[in-house]
N, C-alpha and C. Protein backbone atom coordinates (compact mmCIF):
# COMPACT_ATOMS: atom_id res chain seq x y z
N UNK A 1 8.89 15.85 7.12
CA UNK A 1 8.02 16.55 6.20
C UNK A 1 6.70 15.77 6.12
N UNK A 2 5.60 16.44 6.40
CA UNK A 2 4.30 15.79 6.33
C UNK A 2 4.00 15.42 4.88
N UNK A 3 3.61 14.18 4.68
CA UNK A 3 3.35 13.66 3.34
C UNK A 3 1.98 13.02 3.30
N UNK A 4 1.24 13.32 2.26
CA UNK A 4 -0.03 12.66 1.98
C UNK A 4 0.16 11.93 0.66
N UNK A 5 -0.14 10.64 0.64
CA UNK A 5 0.03 9.84 -0.57
C UNK A 5 -1.24 9.06 -0.84
N UNK A 6 -1.50 8.88 -2.11
CA UNK A 6 -2.59 8.01 -2.57
C UNK A 6 -1.92 6.95 -3.44
N UNK A 7 -2.03 5.67 -3.05
CA UNK A 7 -1.38 4.64 -3.85
C UNK A 7 -2.34 3.51 -4.20
N UNK A 8 -2.06 2.91 -5.34
CA UNK A 8 -2.84 1.79 -5.85
C UNK A 8 -1.88 0.71 -6.31
N UNK A 9 -2.13 -0.52 -5.89
CA UNK A 9 -1.37 -1.67 -6.37
C UNK A 9 -2.25 -2.45 -7.33
N UNK A 10 -1.67 -2.90 -8.43
CA UNK A 10 -2.42 -3.66 -9.43
C UNK A 10 -1.68 -4.96 -9.73
N UNK A 11 -2.12 -6.08 -9.11
CA UNK A 11 -1.49 -7.36 -9.43
C UNK A 11 -1.84 -7.77 -10.86
N UNK A 12 -0.84 -8.15 -11.63
CA UNK A 12 -1.04 -8.48 -13.04
C UNK A 12 -1.14 -9.99 -13.24
N UNK A 13 -2.06 -10.40 -14.11
CA UNK A 13 -2.17 -11.80 -14.49
C UNK A 13 -2.75 -12.70 -13.43
N UNK A 14 -3.64 -12.17 -12.58
CA UNK A 14 -4.16 -12.97 -11.47
C UNK A 14 -5.65 -13.27 -11.57
N UNK A 15 -6.31 -12.81 -12.61
CA UNK A 15 -7.74 -13.01 -12.72
C UNK A 15 -8.51 -11.81 -12.17
N UNK A 16 -9.84 -11.91 -12.20
CA UNK A 16 -10.65 -10.74 -11.86
C UNK A 16 -10.74 -10.41 -10.37
N UNK A 17 -10.55 -11.39 -9.49
CA UNK A 17 -10.71 -11.14 -8.05
C UNK A 17 -9.37 -10.77 -7.42
N UNK A 18 -9.36 -9.67 -6.68
CA UNK A 18 -8.14 -9.25 -5.99
C UNK A 18 -8.34 -9.18 -4.48
N UNK A 19 -9.42 -9.75 -3.98
CA UNK A 19 -9.75 -9.64 -2.55
C UNK A 19 -8.67 -10.25 -1.66
N UNK A 20 -8.04 -11.34 -2.08
CA UNK A 20 -7.00 -11.95 -1.24
C UNK A 20 -5.78 -11.03 -1.12
N UNK A 21 -5.49 -10.27 -2.17
CA UNK A 21 -4.36 -9.34 -2.14
C UNK A 21 -4.69 -8.11 -1.29
N UNK A 22 -5.94 -7.68 -1.36
CA UNK A 22 -6.38 -6.57 -0.51
C UNK A 22 -6.26 -6.96 0.96
N UNK A 23 -6.62 -8.21 1.28
CA UNK A 23 -6.51 -8.69 2.66
C UNK A 23 -5.06 -8.69 3.13
N UNK A 24 -4.14 -9.10 2.26
CA UNK A 24 -2.71 -9.07 2.62
C UNK A 24 -2.24 -7.65 2.88
N UNK A 25 -2.63 -6.73 2.02
CA UNK A 25 -2.24 -5.32 2.18
C UNK A 25 -2.84 -4.76 3.47
N UNK A 26 -4.08 -5.10 3.77
CA UNK A 26 -4.74 -4.62 5.00
C UNK A 26 -3.97 -5.09 6.24
N UNK A 27 -3.47 -6.32 6.21
CA UNK A 27 -2.68 -6.82 7.34
C UNK A 27 -1.42 -5.97 7.54
N UNK A 28 -0.75 -5.63 6.44
CA UNK A 28 0.44 -4.78 6.53
C UNK A 28 0.07 -3.42 7.10
N UNK A 29 -1.00 -2.83 6.57
CA UNK A 29 -1.43 -1.51 7.04
C UNK A 29 -1.77 -1.54 8.53
N UNK A 30 -2.48 -2.57 8.97
CA UNK A 30 -2.88 -2.66 10.37
C UNK A 30 -1.69 -2.84 11.31
N UNK A 31 -0.65 -3.53 10.86
CA UNK A 31 0.49 -3.76 11.74
C UNK A 31 1.56 -2.68 11.62
N UNK A 32 1.85 -2.22 10.42
CA UNK A 32 2.97 -1.30 10.22
C UNK A 32 2.63 0.18 10.40
N UNK A 33 1.43 0.58 10.04
CA UNK A 33 1.08 2.00 10.16
C UNK A 33 1.19 2.53 11.59
N UNK A 34 0.68 1.80 12.59
CA UNK A 34 0.85 2.32 13.96
C UNK A 34 2.34 2.40 14.37
N UNK A 35 3.13 1.42 13.95
CA UNK A 35 4.56 1.43 14.30
C UNK A 35 5.30 2.59 13.65
N UNK A 36 4.93 2.90 12.40
CA UNK A 36 5.60 3.96 11.65
C UNK A 36 4.91 5.32 11.77
N UNK A 37 3.85 5.37 12.58
CA UNK A 37 3.08 6.61 12.80
C UNK A 37 2.51 7.16 11.50
N UNK A 38 1.91 6.27 10.73
CA UNK A 38 1.26 6.63 9.48
C UNK A 38 -0.23 6.33 9.62
N UNK A 39 -1.06 7.27 9.23
CA UNK A 39 -2.51 7.06 9.21
C UNK A 39 -2.90 6.60 7.81
N UNK A 40 -3.90 5.71 7.74
CA UNK A 40 -4.33 5.24 6.43
C UNK A 40 -5.84 5.19 6.32
N UNK A 41 -6.31 5.33 5.09
CA UNK A 41 -7.72 5.16 4.76
C UNK A 41 -7.78 4.41 3.44
N UNK A 42 -8.40 3.24 3.46
CA UNK A 42 -8.60 2.49 2.22
C UNK A 42 -9.86 3.02 1.54
N UNK A 43 -9.84 3.06 0.21
CA UNK A 43 -11.02 3.48 -0.55
C UNK A 43 -11.17 2.57 -1.76
N UNK A 44 -12.15 2.82 -2.58
CA UNK A 44 -12.50 1.89 -3.66
C UNK A 44 -11.42 1.74 -4.72
N UNK A 45 -10.47 2.66 -4.79
CA UNK A 45 -9.45 2.57 -5.83
C UNK A 45 -8.03 2.66 -5.28
N UNK A 46 -7.86 2.39 -4.00
CA UNK A 46 -6.52 2.44 -3.43
C UNK A 46 -6.53 2.78 -1.96
N UNK A 47 -5.45 3.43 -1.51
CA UNK A 47 -5.27 3.75 -0.10
C UNK A 47 -4.61 5.12 0.04
N UNK A 48 -5.11 5.91 0.97
CA UNK A 48 -4.48 7.19 1.32
C UNK A 48 -3.61 6.97 2.56
N UNK A 49 -2.43 7.55 2.55
CA UNK A 49 -1.50 7.48 3.68
C UNK A 49 -1.11 8.90 4.08
N UNK A 50 -0.98 9.13 5.39
CA UNK A 50 -0.52 10.42 5.90
C UNK A 50 0.53 10.17 6.97
N UNK A 51 1.69 10.79 6.80
CA UNK A 51 2.77 10.64 7.77
C UNK A 51 4.03 11.27 7.25
N UNK A 52 5.15 10.94 7.86
CA UNK A 52 6.44 11.44 7.41
C UNK A 52 6.86 10.74 6.12
N UNK A 53 7.58 11.47 5.26
CA UNK A 53 7.96 11.00 3.92
C UNK A 53 8.51 9.57 3.92
N UNK A 54 9.57 9.30 4.69
CA UNK A 54 10.19 7.98 4.68
C UNK A 54 9.26 6.90 5.19
N UNK A 55 8.46 7.21 6.19
CA UNK A 55 7.53 6.24 6.73
C UNK A 55 6.45 5.88 5.72
N UNK A 56 5.93 6.88 5.02
CA UNK A 56 4.91 6.63 4.00
C UNK A 56 5.47 5.75 2.89
N UNK A 57 6.68 6.06 2.43
CA UNK A 57 7.29 5.25 1.38
C UNK A 57 7.57 3.83 1.85
N UNK A 58 7.94 3.67 3.11
CA UNK A 58 8.17 2.34 3.67
C UNK A 58 6.88 1.52 3.68
N UNK A 59 5.77 2.14 4.03
CA UNK A 59 4.48 1.43 4.02
C UNK A 59 4.13 0.99 2.60
N UNK A 60 4.30 1.87 1.63
CA UNK A 60 4.02 1.50 0.23
C UNK A 60 4.89 0.32 -0.18
N UNK A 61 6.18 0.36 0.16
CA UNK A 61 7.10 -0.72 -0.18
C UNK A 61 6.67 -2.04 0.46
N UNK A 62 6.31 -2.00 1.74
CA UNK A 62 5.91 -3.23 2.41
C UNK A 62 4.62 -3.81 1.83
N UNK A 63 3.69 -2.93 1.44
CA UNK A 63 2.45 -3.40 0.82
C UNK A 63 2.75 -4.06 -0.53
N UNK A 64 3.60 -3.42 -1.31
CA UNK A 64 3.99 -4.01 -2.61
C UNK A 64 4.70 -5.34 -2.41
N UNK A 65 5.62 -5.39 -1.44
CA UNK A 65 6.37 -6.61 -1.18
C UNK A 65 5.48 -7.77 -0.77
N UNK A 66 4.47 -7.51 0.04
CA UNK A 66 3.61 -8.60 0.51
C UNK A 66 2.80 -9.19 -0.64
N UNK A 67 2.41 -8.37 -1.60
CA UNK A 67 1.68 -8.89 -2.77
C UNK A 67 2.62 -9.76 -3.60
N UNK A 68 3.87 -9.34 -3.76
CA UNK A 68 4.86 -10.14 -4.50
C UNK A 68 5.15 -11.45 -3.77
N UNK A 69 5.53 -11.36 -2.50
CA UNK A 69 6.07 -12.52 -1.78
C UNK A 69 4.97 -13.44 -1.28
N UNK A 70 4.11 -12.95 -0.40
CA UNK A 70 3.06 -13.81 0.15
C UNK A 70 1.95 -14.08 -0.85
N UNK A 71 1.67 -13.10 -1.71
CA UNK A 71 0.62 -13.28 -2.71
C UNK A 71 1.09 -14.07 -3.91
N UNK A 72 2.40 -14.19 -4.08
CA UNK A 72 2.94 -14.97 -5.19
C UNK A 72 2.74 -14.33 -6.56
N UNK A 73 2.62 -13.01 -6.59
CA UNK A 73 2.38 -12.31 -7.85
C UNK A 73 3.72 -11.86 -8.43
N UNK A 74 3.99 -12.26 -9.68
CA UNK A 74 5.27 -11.93 -10.31
C UNK A 74 5.34 -10.46 -10.73
N UNK A 75 4.20 -9.90 -11.15
CA UNK A 75 4.19 -8.52 -11.65
C UNK A 75 3.15 -7.70 -10.91
N UNK A 76 3.58 -6.61 -10.32
CA UNK A 76 2.67 -5.73 -9.58
C UNK A 76 2.88 -4.30 -10.06
N UNK A 77 1.81 -3.69 -10.58
CA UNK A 77 1.86 -2.27 -10.93
C UNK A 77 1.60 -1.45 -9.68
N UNK A 78 2.28 -0.32 -9.57
CA UNK A 78 2.11 0.55 -8.41
C UNK A 78 2.03 1.99 -8.87
N UNK A 79 0.95 2.65 -8.52
CA UNK A 79 0.75 4.06 -8.85
C UNK A 79 0.70 4.85 -7.55
N UNK A 80 1.52 5.89 -7.46
CA UNK A 80 1.58 6.70 -6.23
C UNK A 80 1.52 8.18 -6.60
N UNK A 81 0.62 8.91 -5.94
CA UNK A 81 0.58 10.38 -6.02
C UNK A 81 0.88 10.90 -4.63
N UNK A 82 1.78 11.89 -4.54
CA UNK A 82 2.19 12.38 -3.23
C UNK A 82 2.16 13.90 -3.17
N UNK A 83 1.80 14.40 -1.99
CA UNK A 83 1.80 15.84 -1.70
C UNK A 83 2.54 16.03 -0.39
N UNK A 84 3.30 17.10 -0.29
CA UNK A 84 4.05 17.36 0.94
C UNK A 84 3.81 18.78 1.43
N UNK A 85 4.01 18.95 2.74
CA UNK A 85 3.94 20.29 3.33
C UNK A 85 4.87 20.36 4.52
């Protein structure tokens, strides 16, 4: 099922700059999206993903996980809006 998602990750308690977390997420997007056949576009308030349902959700999960694990953030808010056809 073709899925379009818009997601935003919000690291909590890390100060005003989030550029290092954006860089971590970009690395995941650059490596995993081609493997999972998901297209992505980053924008000023998040990222758009287009692909199959499970693949899109897997990309969101991996992006969230990298902020937790490699970024060392204990609390990460995640907002996802999805459309399917």
